[in-house]
Amino acid sequence: MTELTKLTLVESIKHVKEKKCSATELVSAYVKRIEKSDKLNCFNTKDLENAVNKAKKIDTNKKLDKALVGAPIAVKDLFCTKGVKTTASSKILSNFIPTYESTVTEKLWNEDAILIGKLNSDEFAMGSSNETSNFGNVLNPYRLNNENLVPGGSSGGCASAVAADLTCATVGTDTGGSIRQPAAFTGIVGLKPTYGRCSRWGIVAFASSLDQAGPMTKDVRDAALMLDVISGYDDKDSTSANKPKSSFLNSLKNNVKGLKVGVPKEYRVDNMPKEVDDLWQEGIKILKDNGAIVKDI
């Protein structure tokens, strides 16, 4: 059987629902991996014991029908989590324990996701390298023997944790690139939803007219599933969009045939490392092989 922490979010949930593994086994696999990964410094707060206890409780349920059942999820330490420290990676809030839950995280727990911890970021989300946190720098797991490799920011802990298989998926926040840039730095999927798609209630604000919560995941299907869960109107946030939505996961057709993809020439910079250029070309080849029309722009 594939190592449990290598499964995608969608695969992990399928395993639990089909009883190929228990929620306890899934969470315990991630706990063991987290305990061996302190060098990355992804977590500001770990909630491992509570995570295992919740998994055991889920395993007693007769129905395993919730959208995220048994999935261990970590969230950026910018979301208020009731009874669990929320620091925004700042010394100022180092002892702040919210008495309420953010709307986005409440949606996760309502679908039987399991909080496994709160993730490091740039302080108050103000940064793009995860080097401004009160809890220290986060490392990019891409090459651990080079401690100068940053994971990007501000959601660097989220990106590094997903890339290192320390969580099934994460939720970050994006104001001017704080999900998308670290996702690119670490080779994962990061999506900033349209403003208003997800509630901002219970998120420590950076720029309220720009902030959005969004998924950071191992693949596109996982991102679609996470967005299905966390999106939607919230009367506690006047800027959330009160519009109907269809399933993002169901809209994926696994087909890019005929899709026109523009590749900006200036993105291939001078002195780009060969390993990066090779991966760039490999990505373009995959698109072409699957029927996409790729053009330089």
Protein backbone atom coordinates (compact mmCIF):
# COMPACT_ATOMS: atom_id res chain seq x y z
CA MET A 1 0.00 0.00 0.00
CA THR A 2 1.17 3.52 -0.78
CA GLU A 3 2.58 5.33 2.24
CA LEU A 4 -0.40 7.17 3.74
CA THR A 5 1.30 10.57 3.83
CA LYS A 6 1.99 10.32 0.09
CA LEU A 7 -1.70 10.13 -0.75
CA THR A 8 -3.49 13.21 -2.02
CA LEU A 9 -6.34 14.67 0.00
CA VAL A 10 -8.94 13.11 -2.31
CA GLU A 11 -7.21 9.73 -2.11
CA SER A 12 -6.89 9.94 1.68
CA ILE A 13 -10.60 10.60 2.15
CA LYS A 14 -11.43 7.74 -0.24
CA HIS A 15 -9.23 5.42 1.83
CA VAL A 16 -11.06 6.36 5.03
CA LYS A 17 -14.53 6.09 3.49
CA GLU A 18 -13.73 2.69 1.96
CA LYS A 19 -12.07 1.58 5.22
CA LYS A 20 -8.75 0.88 3.53
CA CYS A 21 -7.35 2.73 6.53
CA SER A 22 -8.89 4.28 9.62
CA ALA A 23 -8.86 7.99 10.36
CA THR A 24 -6.63 7.16 13.34
CA GLU A 25 -4.10 5.40 11.12
CA LEU A 26 -4.10 8.31 8.68
CA VAL A 27 -3.62 10.96 11.35
CA SER A 28 -1.01 8.88 13.19
CA ALA A 29 1.04 8.57 10.00
CA TYR A 30 1.14 12.35 9.69
CA VAL A 31 1.92 12.78 13.40
CA LYS A 32 5.00 10.56 13.05
CA ARG A 33 6.18 12.52 10.04
CA ILE A 34 5.61 15.88 11.74
CA GLU A 35 7.58 14.76 14.79
CA LYS A 36 10.59 14.08 12.56
CA SER A 37 10.40 17.37 10.65
CA ASP A 38 11.13 20.09 13.20
CA LYS A 39 14.02 21.34 11.06
CA LEU A 40 11.55 22.78 8.55
CA ASN A 41 9.94 24.90 11.30
CA CYS A 42 6.52 24.75 9.63
CA PHE A 43 4.42 24.70 12.79
CA ASN A 44 3.88 27.45 15.34
CA THR A 45 1.47 25.23 17.26
CA LYS A 46 0.99 21.47 16.98
CA ASP A 47 -2.31 19.95 18.05
CA LEU A 48 -1.31 16.33 17.62
CA GLU A 49 -2.89 14.69 20.67
CA ASN A 50 -6.26 16.32 20.02
CA ALA A 51 -5.97 15.32 16.36
CA VAL A 52 -5.52 11.64 17.24
CA ASN A 53 -8.41 11.79 19.72
CA LYS A 54 -10.72 13.32 17.12
CA ALA A 55 -9.68 10.67 14.59
CA LYS A 56 -10.56 7.94 17.08
CA LYS A 57 -13.97 9.53 17.57
CA ILE A 58 -14.56 9.68 13.81
CA ASP A 59 -13.70 5.99 13.54
CA THR A 60 -16.66 5.19 15.81
CA ASN A 61 -19.12 6.88 13.44
CA LYS A 62 -21.47 4.59 11.54
CA LYS A 63 -21.47 6.97 8.59
CA LEU A 64 -18.26 8.28 7.04
CA ASP A 65 -19.98 10.58 4.60
CA LYS A 66 -18.56 14.05 5.28
CA ALA A 67 -16.55 15.72 2.51
CA LEU A 68 -13.23 15.81 4.40
CA VAL A 69 -13.77 12.90 6.78
CA GLY A 70 -10.65 12.00 8.72
CA ALA A 71 -8.31 14.29 6.79
CA PRO A 72 -5.61 15.97 8.91
CA ILE A 73 -5.52 19.63 7.91
CA ALA A 74 -3.17 22.38 9.08
CA VAL A 75 -4.03 26.06 8.70
CA LYS A 76 -2.05 29.27 8.51
CA ASP A 77 -1.64 30.81 11.96
CA LEU A 78 -3.79 33.73 10.87
CA PHE A 79 -7.14 31.95 11.24
CA CYS A 80 -8.84 32.16 14.62
CA THR A 81 -9.29 28.66 16.03
CA LYS A 82 -11.37 28.34 19.17
CA GLY A 83 -9.27 27.17 22.10
CA VAL A 84 -6.07 26.94 20.03
CA LYS A 85 -3.42 29.67 19.92
CA THR A 86 -3.63 32.12 17.02
CA THR A 87 -0.48 34.24 16.92
CA ALA A 88 -0.19 35.64 13.37
CA SER A 89 3.47 34.63 13.86
CA SER A 90 3.92 37.66 16.12
CA LYS A 91 5.19 38.02 19.67
CA ILE A 92 2.34 40.48 20.29
CA LEU A 93 -0.23 37.68 19.95
CA SER A 94 1.94 34.87 21.31
CA ASN A 95 -0.58 34.03 24.05
CA PHE A 96 -3.83 34.83 22.21
CA ILE A 97 -6.34 31.99 22.40
CA PRO A 98 -9.54 32.85 20.50
CA THR A 99 -12.96 32.16 21.99
CA TYR A 100 -14.48 31.77 18.52
CA GLU A 101 -13.78 30.00 15.23
CA SER A 102 -13.16 31.62 11.86
CA THR A 103 -15.81 30.85 9.25
CA VAL A 104 -13.36 29.11 6.92
CA THR A 105 -11.98 26.76 9.58
CA GLU A 106 -15.45 26.09 10.98
CA LYS A 107 -16.46 24.88 7.52
CA LEU A 108 -13.49 22.48 7.54
CA TRP A 109 -14.33 20.96 10.93
CA ASN A 110 -18.02 20.69 10.00
CA GLU A 111 -16.92 18.33 7.22
CA ASP A 112 -14.92 16.20 9.70
CA ALA A 113 -11.49 17.51 8.79
CA ILE A 114 -9.09 17.31 11.72
CA LEU A 115 -6.91 20.22 12.87
CA ILE A 116 -3.34 19.00 13.18
CA GLY A 117 -1.68 22.37 13.80
CA LYS A 118 -1.20 26.07 13.05
CA LEU A 119 1.40 27.01 10.46
CA ASN A 120 4.22 29.54 10.46
CA SER A 121 4.12 32.61 8.20
CA ASP A 122 5.62 36.04 7.86
CA GLU A 123 4.55 38.16 10.84
CA PHE A 124 1.00 39.45 10.29
CA ALA A 125 1.38 38.11 6.71
CA MET A 126 3.72 40.98 5.88
CA GLY A 127 6.48 39.35 3.86
CA SER A 128 7.28 37.10 0.94
CA SER A 129 9.99 34.76 2.24
CA ASN A 130 8.80 33.59 5.69
CA GLU A 131 11.84 35.20 7.29
CA THR A 132 9.95 37.77 9.41
CA SER A 133 8.18 35.37 11.79
CA ASN A 134 8.62 35.59 15.55
CA PHE A 135 8.92 31.80 15.45
CA GLY A 136 11.90 31.79 13.09
CA ASN A 137 12.41 31.06 9.40
CA VAL A 138 10.65 28.27 7.54
CA LEU A 139 12.79 26.13 5.24
CA ASN A 140 11.90 24.92 1.76
CA PRO A 141 11.92 21.08 1.82
CA TYR A 142 13.06 20.94 -1.80
CA ARG A 143 16.73 20.69 -0.77
CA LEU A 144 17.22 20.39 2.98
CA ASN A 145 21.01 20.56 2.83
CA ASN A 146 20.69 24.14 1.57
CA GLU A 147 19.20 26.14 4.42
CA ASN A 148 19.20 29.29 2.30
CA LEU A 149 16.22 28.08 0.28
CA VAL A 150 13.11 29.93 1.44
CA PRO A 151 9.58 28.58 0.82
CA GLY A 152 8.22 31.98 -0.16
CA GLY A 153 5.62 33.86 1.82
CA SER A 154 3.71 34.90 3.55
CA SER A 155 2.09 31.43 3.65
CA GLY A 156 5.49 29.72 3.72
CA GLY A 157 4.65 27.27 6.49
CA CYS A 158 1.60 26.11 4.53
CA ALA A 159 3.63 25.58 1.37
CA SER A 160 6.49 23.78 3.08
CA ALA A 161 4.13 21.53 5.08
CA VAL A 162 2.26 20.40 1.96
CA ALA A 163 5.46 19.87 -0.04
CA ALA A 164 6.98 17.83 2.81
CA ASP A 165 3.83 15.69 3.26
CA LEU A 166 3.19 16.94 6.80
CA THR A 167 -0.54 17.48 6.17
CA CYS A 168 -3.18 16.41 3.64
CA ALA A 169 -3.79 20.04 2.72
CA THR A 170 -3.63 23.55 4.14
CA VAL A 171 -5.50 26.83 3.99
CA GLY A 172 -3.50 30.03 3.58
CA THR A 173 -4.30 33.66 2.89
CA ASP A 174 -3.35 35.78 -0.10
CA THR A 175 -3.24 39.56 -0.34
CA GLY A 176 -0.69 40.17 -3.08
CA GLY A 177 0.69 36.70 -3.76
CA SER A 178 0.96 35.05 -0.35
CA ILE A 179 -0.57 31.76 -1.52
CA ARG A 180 0.53 31.74 -5.15
CA GLN A 181 4.19 32.67 -4.72
CA PRO A 182 5.07 30.09 -2.02
CA ALA A 183 3.13 27.45 -3.96
CA ALA A 184 5.39 28.17 -6.93
CA PHE A 185 8.50 28.10 -4.73
CA THR A 186 7.67 24.65 -3.36
CA GLY A 187 6.02 22.92 -6.32
CA ILE A 188 2.49 22.61 -4.96
CA VAL A 189 -0.93 23.97 -5.99
CA GLY A 190 -1.98 27.32 -4.53
CA LEU A 191 -5.14 29.21 -5.43
CA LYS A 192 -6.28 32.70 -4.52
CA PRO A 193 -10.06 32.64 -5.03
CA THR A 194 -11.95 35.61 -6.39
CA TYR A 195 -12.41 38.26 -3.70
CA GLY A 196 -15.59 37.54 -1.77
CA ARG A 197 -15.66 33.83 -2.62
CA CYS A 198 -14.53 32.91 0.91
CA SER A 199 -15.41 34.62 4.18
CA ARG A 200 -12.74 36.73 5.87
CA TRP A 201 -14.47 36.54 9.26
CA GLY A 202 -12.05 35.38 11.93
CA ILE A 203 -8.90 35.99 9.87
CA VAL A 204 -6.30 38.41 11.22
CA ALA A 205 -6.42 41.11 8.55
CA PHE A 206 -3.56 42.48 6.49
CA ALA A 207 -5.44 44.48 3.84
CA SER A 208 -9.17 43.88 4.14
CA SER A 209 -9.96 44.96 0.59
CA LEU A 210 -7.56 42.36 -0.84
CA ASP A 211 -7.27 39.47 1.65
CA GLN A 212 -8.68 36.08 0.65
CA ALA A 213 -8.41 32.61 2.11
CA GLY A 214 -7.48 29.86 -0.30
CA PRO A 215 -6.34 26.23 -0.55
CA MET A 216 -2.74 25.03 -0.77
CA THR A 217 -2.65 21.38 -1.79
CA LYS A 218 -0.81 18.50 -3.41
CA ASP A 219 -2.78 18.61 -6.66
CA VAL A 220 -5.57 20.42 -8.49
CA ARG A 221 -8.35 18.03 -7.46
CA ASP A 222 -7.46 18.61 -3.82
CA ALA A 223 -7.60 22.37 -4.31
CA ALA A 224 -11.03 22.09 -5.94
CA LEU A 225 -12.37 19.98 -3.07
CA MET A 226 -11.01 22.37 -0.46
CA LEU A 227 -12.53 25.34 -2.26
CA ASP A 228 -15.87 23.53 -2.43
CA VAL A 229 -15.79 23.31 1.37
CA ILE A 230 -14.44 26.71 2.42
CA SER A 231 -16.25 28.95 -0.08
CA GLY A 232 -19.71 30.44 0.22
CA TYR A 233 -21.66 33.40 1.56
CA ASP A 234 -21.26 34.43 5.18
CA ASP A 235 -23.52 37.03 6.76
CA LYS A 236 -20.71 37.85 9.21
CA ASP A 237 -18.61 39.19 6.30
CA SER A 238 -20.34 41.92 4.30
CA THR A 239 -17.86 41.49 1.44
CA SER A 240 -18.54 37.79 0.90
CA ALA A 241 -20.40 37.10 -2.33
CA ASN A 242 -24.03 36.05 -1.96
CA LYS A 243 -24.09 34.18 -5.25
CA PRO A 244 -24.81 30.54 -6.12
CA LYS A 245 -21.84 28.28 -6.74
CA SER A 246 -21.38 24.95 -8.44
CA SER A 247 -18.93 22.25 -7.40
CA PHE A 248 -15.37 23.07 -8.41
CA LEU A 249 -14.38 19.42 -8.05
CA ASN A 250 -17.16 18.21 -10.33
CA SER A 251 -16.19 20.78 -12.95
CA LEU A 252 -12.77 19.19 -13.44
CA LYS A 253 -12.82 17.14 -16.62
CA ASN A 254 -9.20 15.99 -16.68
CA ASN A 255 -8.95 17.24 -20.23
CA VAL A 256 -6.92 20.15 -21.61
CA LYS A 257 -7.37 19.19 -25.26
CA GLY A 258 -7.75 22.36 -27.32
CA LEU A 259 -6.99 24.64 -24.37
CA LYS A 260 -4.82 27.59 -25.41
CA VAL A 261 -1.96 28.21 -22.99
CA GLY A 262 0.23 31.28 -23.27
CA VAL A 263 3.81 31.07 -21.98
CA PRO A 264 5.32 34.53 -21.35
CA LYS A 265 8.84 34.68 -22.77
CA GLU A 266 10.08 36.96 -20.01
CA TYR A 267 9.38 34.28 -17.40
CA ARG A 268 12.42 32.37 -18.66
CA VAL A 269 15.00 34.62 -17.08
CA ASP A 270 18.71 34.79 -17.84
CA ASN A 271 20.85 32.36 -15.84
CA MET A 272 17.85 30.23 -14.88
CA PRO A 273 19.23 27.06 -13.21
CA LYS A 274 19.14 24.05 -15.52
CA GLU A 275 17.03 22.00 -13.09
CA VAL A 276 14.38 24.74 -13.07
CA ASP A 277 14.46 25.13 -16.85
CA ASP A 278 14.16 21.35 -17.31
CA LEU A 279 11.07 21.28 -15.10
CA TRP A 280 9.66 24.26 -17.00
CA GLN A 281 10.07 22.42 -20.30
CA GLU A 282 8.67 19.21 -18.83
CA GLY A 283 5.52 21.06 -17.76
CA ILE A 284 5.07 22.50 -21.25
CA LYS A 285 5.57 19.04 -22.79
CA ILE A 286 2.90 17.52 -20.53
CA LEU A 287 0.41 20.16 -21.66
CA LYS A 288 1.25 19.59 -25.33
CA ASP A 289 1.10 15.79 -24.99
CA ASN A 290 -2.39 16.13 -23.57
CA GLY A 291 -3.66 18.24 -26.45
CA ALA A 292 -3.16 21.79 -25.20
CA ILE A 293 -2.15 24.47 -27.70
CA VAL A 294 0.93 26.14 -26.22
CA LYS A 295 2.07 29.50 -27.58
CA ASP A 296 4.87 31.86 -26.64
CA ILE A 297 3.57 35.30 -25.77
